[in-house]
Structures are given as structure tokens and as C-alpha cells.
Amino acid sequence: MKALLSSFLLYLLCVTSLTANGFAAAKFKVIYNFKGAPDGAGIYGQLVFDAKGTIYGATAGGGTGNCNGGCGTVFELVRGPANSWSEIQLYSLNPTSDGAGPWGGMVFDPAGNLYGTTAKGGPQFFGTVFQLKGDWTYRVLHRFNWTDGALPSSLVFDPEHKHIYGTTILGGAVGYGVVFEITP
């Protein structure tokens, strides 16, 4: 009983401390609701901001691609008047040529080009690495074929922005995933 009481007092002390430090007073606001196809559905990767405060990301579903529920989109959220946000769809993926189901987060290079991955799609349906140039022209940089990886996730640039590194969940010589490098 004594241990239970001391655990309860420790819990109460932690909750009081969190409330006093402002954690309980945090504000939460939904800034955009995705609606499914053709809008977008299911965000798995992290978001990225540009210098103007615009948010960029990808949805694993939705869009106009020929998949059940859409093949995914790349989008931007632009802040408007009265702190409102509106979505602009930059690209809707096609499974065979582009890949489908972007799962990883997006990254920018210094020139303003956006990079991401798809978890499936491409000719062998093991995923792709893609680039959206500054005018939002879509270009596949790599199509995975299992022996070089499958189901890629997030990307990161090296400090000089010369190489992109990433990981795959599966594939490779043994089948347990790979770490890869791409030079755009």
C-alpha cells in the first residue's frame, strides 16, 4: 500500500510539474483536412518548410492515379488570411511511371528542388526516389529492383548537398534493407 501511495504521489508531482511548465496548456489546431481521392489521403512522412513558411509533404493515397483510392500526391500548404491554410496539389502520382504511395518525408536542395520516395510503384513495384524541380516537373531518379533495395523511406542530404542518402525497409543482397546514396 505504501508503494502504491508513493507511486501515486510521484505521478501527481509529475502531472503538477507538467502543468506548471505549460505542457498541459499547449494549443492544438487542425490546419487542413485531407478528403481522399482526388485530394490526398494518409501522410506517413515528415513535412518540410520552405523559406516563406509554406509546408510541403506527400500523401500515400489520394490523387488521380489509377490505384485503389489514388496513388498519392505531393502537396503544399500555403498560409492565408486569418491564419487559414489552403492546399495546392503539386503532383498526382502514376504507379507504373512515377511510383506510388510516398511514405518518407520530403527534403529540399539549395536550388529549391524537392525530393522524396515512393514505397511502391515503378516497373517492378519496389519503389522509387523522385525529384520535383522548382517548376514542379516530376522526375524519377531511381527505380528499385529488390537487389538494390525495396520500399525506400526518408531521405537526407549530406552537409554539402552533393549526395542524397536513404534507406530501404527490404531488399538488397540478403533482403533486410540497404542504405543507399544518390548523386542528383
Protein backbone atom coordinates (compact mmCIF):
# COMPACT_ATOMS: atom_id res chain seq x y z
CA MET A 1 0.00 0.00 0.00
CA LYS A 2 2.88 2.32 0.87
CA ALA A 3 4.48 1.70 -2.57
CA LEU A 4 1.17 2.40 -4.30
CA LEU A 5 0.75 5.66 -2.38
CA SER A 6 4.30 6.79 -3.17
CA SER A 7 3.76 5.95 -6.89
CA PHE A 8 0.55 7.99 -6.87
CA LEU A 9 2.30 10.94 -5.19
CA LEU A 10 5.12 10.74 -7.76
CA TYR A 11 2.52 10.72 -10.56
CA LEU A 12 0.74 13.71 -9.01
CA LEU A 13 4.05 15.56 -8.70
CA CYS A 14 4.85 14.87 -12.38
CA VAL A 15 1.41 16.00 -13.58
CA THR A 16 1.62 19.15 -11.45
CA SER A 17 5.12 19.84 -12.78
CA LEU A 18 3.99 19.36 -16.40
CA THR A 19 1.02 21.68 -15.85
CA ALA A 20 3.21 24.31 -14.18
CA ASN A 21 5.69 24.20 -17.10
CA GLY A 22 2.97 24.75 -19.69
CA PHE A 23 2.66 21.29 -21.20
CA ALA A 24 -0.98 20.96 -20.25
CA ALA A 25 -1.74 24.38 -21.73
CA ALA A 26 -0.42 23.53 -25.22
CA LYS A 27 -2.65 24.61 -28.09
CA PHE A 28 -3.65 22.23 -30.85
CA LYS A 29 -5.24 23.20 -34.17
CA VAL A 30 -6.01 21.23 -37.33
CA ILE A 31 -4.86 23.38 -40.24
CA TYR A 32 -6.02 21.16 -43.12
CA ASN A 33 -8.23 18.07 -43.51
CA PHE A 34 -7.45 15.76 -46.42
CA LYS A 35 -10.50 14.38 -48.21
CA GLY A 36 -9.18 11.30 -50.04
CA ALA A 37 -9.16 10.99 -53.83
CA PRO A 38 -8.53 13.22 -55.69
CA ASP A 39 -7.28 15.47 -52.81
CA GLY A 40 -4.92 13.26 -50.80
CA ALA A 41 -5.01 10.62 -48.06
CA GLY A 42 -2.62 9.22 -45.46
CA ILE A 43 0.52 11.18 -44.60
CA TYR A 44 3.36 8.98 -43.30
CA GLY A 45 6.44 11.13 -43.82
CA GLN A 46 7.54 14.33 -42.17
CA LEU A 47 6.70 17.76 -43.52
CA VAL A 48 9.24 20.34 -44.68
CA PHE A 49 9.05 24.15 -44.78
CA ASP A 50 10.48 26.50 -47.39
CA ALA A 51 11.91 29.94 -46.57
CA LYS A 52 8.47 31.57 -46.99
CA GLY A 53 6.81 29.30 -44.40
CA THR A 54 4.98 27.13 -46.94
CA ILE A 55 4.62 23.48 -45.85
CA TYR A 56 5.40 20.62 -48.26
CA GLY A 57 4.62 16.92 -47.93
CA ALA A 58 3.27 13.82 -49.64
CA THR A 59 0.22 11.63 -49.17
CA ALA A 60 0.39 7.86 -49.63
CA GLY A 61 -3.08 7.76 -51.20
CA GLY A 62 -5.49 10.07 -52.93
CA GLY A 63 -4.74 11.88 -56.13
CA THR A 64 -5.88 10.86 -59.57
CA GLY A 65 -3.54 7.91 -60.24
CA ASN A 66 -5.00 4.54 -61.18
CA CYS A 67 -4.72 2.84 -57.77
CA ASN A 68 -7.46 1.82 -55.37
CA GLY A 69 -8.11 5.18 -53.65
CA GLY A 70 -5.38 7.01 -55.58
CA CYS A 71 -1.61 6.55 -55.80
CA GLY A 72 -0.56 9.53 -53.72
CA THR A 73 0.19 13.20 -54.13
CA VAL A 74 2.83 15.80 -53.41
CA PHE A 75 1.27 18.94 -51.92
CA GLU A 76 1.95 22.32 -50.43
CA LEU A 77 0.00 24.10 -47.71
CA VAL A 78 0.01 27.87 -48.05
CA ARG A 79 -0.85 30.18 -45.15
CA GLY A 80 -3.62 32.61 -45.99
CA PRO A 81 -5.51 35.40 -44.22
CA ALA A 82 -6.53 34.96 -40.58
CA ASN A 83 -4.01 32.09 -40.20
CA SER A 84 -6.01 29.85 -42.57
CA TRP A 85 -4.27 27.26 -44.77
CA SER A 86 -5.07 26.05 -48.27
CA GLU A 87 -3.71 23.03 -50.11
CA ILE A 88 -2.23 23.06 -53.59
CA GLN A 89 -1.61 19.70 -55.20
CA LEU A 90 1.76 19.85 -56.93
CA TYR A 91 1.70 16.36 -58.41
CA SER A 92 -0.53 13.27 -58.53
CA LEU A 93 1.44 10.04 -58.93
CA ASN A 94 1.02 7.34 -61.57
CA PRO A 95 2.08 3.87 -60.31
CA THR A 96 3.98 2.47 -63.31
CA SER A 97 5.91 5.55 -64.42
CA ASP A 98 6.25 7.57 -61.18
CA GLY A 99 5.89 5.15 -58.32
CA ALA A 100 3.05 5.18 -55.82
CA GLY A 101 2.49 5.62 -52.11
CA PRO A 102 5.03 8.20 -50.92
CA TRP A 103 5.86 7.20 -47.33
CA GLY A 104 9.03 9.08 -46.50
CA GLY A 105 9.47 12.74 -45.72
CA MET A 106 10.42 15.36 -48.26
CA VAL A 107 13.74 17.26 -48.49
CA PHE A 108 14.81 20.41 -50.36
CA ASP A 109 18.11 21.11 -52.06
CA PRO A 110 19.53 24.68 -52.06
CA ALA A 111 18.04 25.34 -55.53
CA GLY A 112 14.51 24.69 -54.25
CA ASN A 113 14.06 21.25 -55.79
CA LEU A 114 12.04 18.80 -53.69
CA TYR A 115 12.96 15.12 -53.25
CA GLY A 116 11.03 12.14 -51.89
CA THR A 117 10.43 8.41 -52.14
CA THR A 118 7.57 6.11 -53.03
CA ALA A 119 7.15 2.81 -51.24
CA LYS A 120 5.76 1.02 -54.26
CA GLY A 121 5.38 1.51 -57.98
CA GLY A 122 7.91 1.74 -60.72
CA PRO A 123 8.24 -1.11 -63.23
CA GLN A 124 8.87 -3.76 -60.56
CA PHE A 125 6.76 -2.12 -57.81
CA PHE A 126 9.60 -1.86 -55.25
CA GLY A 127 9.54 1.95 -55.03
CA THR A 128 11.31 4.99 -56.43
CA VAL A 129 13.30 8.09 -55.49
CA PHE A 130 11.91 11.19 -57.18
CA GLN A 131 12.62 14.87 -57.69
CA LEU A 132 10.21 17.75 -58.24
CA LYS A 133 12.14 20.58 -59.89
CA GLY A 134 11.41 24.19 -58.93
CA ASP A 135 8.64 24.41 -61.56
CA TRP A 136 7.26 21.11 -60.10
CA THR A 137 8.31 18.93 -63.03
CA TYR A 138 8.37 15.32 -61.78
CA ARG A 139 11.43 13.17 -62.49
CA VAL A 140 12.26 9.67 -61.22
CA LEU A 141 15.90 9.47 -60.10
CA HIS A 142 15.92 5.75 -59.30
CA ARG A 143 13.59 2.73 -59.56
CA PHE A 144 14.34 -0.03 -57.04
CA ASN A 145 14.57 -3.64 -58.25
CA TRP A 146 14.90 -5.62 -54.96
CA THR A 147 18.62 -6.39 -55.38
CA ASP A 148 19.37 -2.68 -54.74
CA GLY A 149 16.60 -2.31 -52.16
CA ALA A 150 12.82 -2.17 -51.83
CA LEU A 151 10.36 0.10 -50.01
CA PRO A 152 12.54 3.20 -49.53
CA SER A 153 11.76 5.60 -46.70
CA SER A 154 13.03 9.10 -45.85
CA LEU A 155 15.95 10.91 -47.47
CA VAL A 156 18.67 13.22 -46.17
CA PHE A 157 21.30 15.36 -47.92
CA ASP A 158 24.94 15.41 -46.89
CA PRO A 159 26.12 18.77 -45.46
CA GLU A 160 27.38 19.97 -48.88
CA HIS A 161 24.11 18.99 -50.60
CA LYS A 162 26.00 16.90 -53.17
CA HIS A 163 24.61 13.48 -52.29
CA ILE A 164 21.28 12.15 -51.05
CA TYR A 165 21.25 9.23 -48.62
CA GLY A 166 18.36 6.99 -47.71
CA THR A 167 17.31 3.57 -46.52
CA THR A 168 15.03 0.80 -47.70
CA ILE A 169 12.97 -1.42 -45.45
CA LEU A 170 13.57 -4.56 -47.53
CA GLY A 171 15.65 -5.83 -50.46
CA GLY A 172 19.36 -5.90 -51.05
CA ALA A 173 21.70 -8.89 -51.16
CA VAL A 174 20.15 -10.58 -48.11
CA GLY A 175 16.68 -8.99 -48.19
CA TYR A 176 16.81 -6.95 -44.96
CA GLY A 177 17.23 -3.49 -46.48
CA VAL A 178 20.04 -1.22 -47.64
CA VAL A 179 21.50 2.23 -47.11
CA PHE A 180 21.90 3.98 -50.47
CA GLU A 181 23.44 7.10 -51.96
CA ILE A 182 22.23 9.08 -54.99
CA THR A 183 24.02 11.95 -56.69
CA PRO A 184 21.35 14.10 -58.38
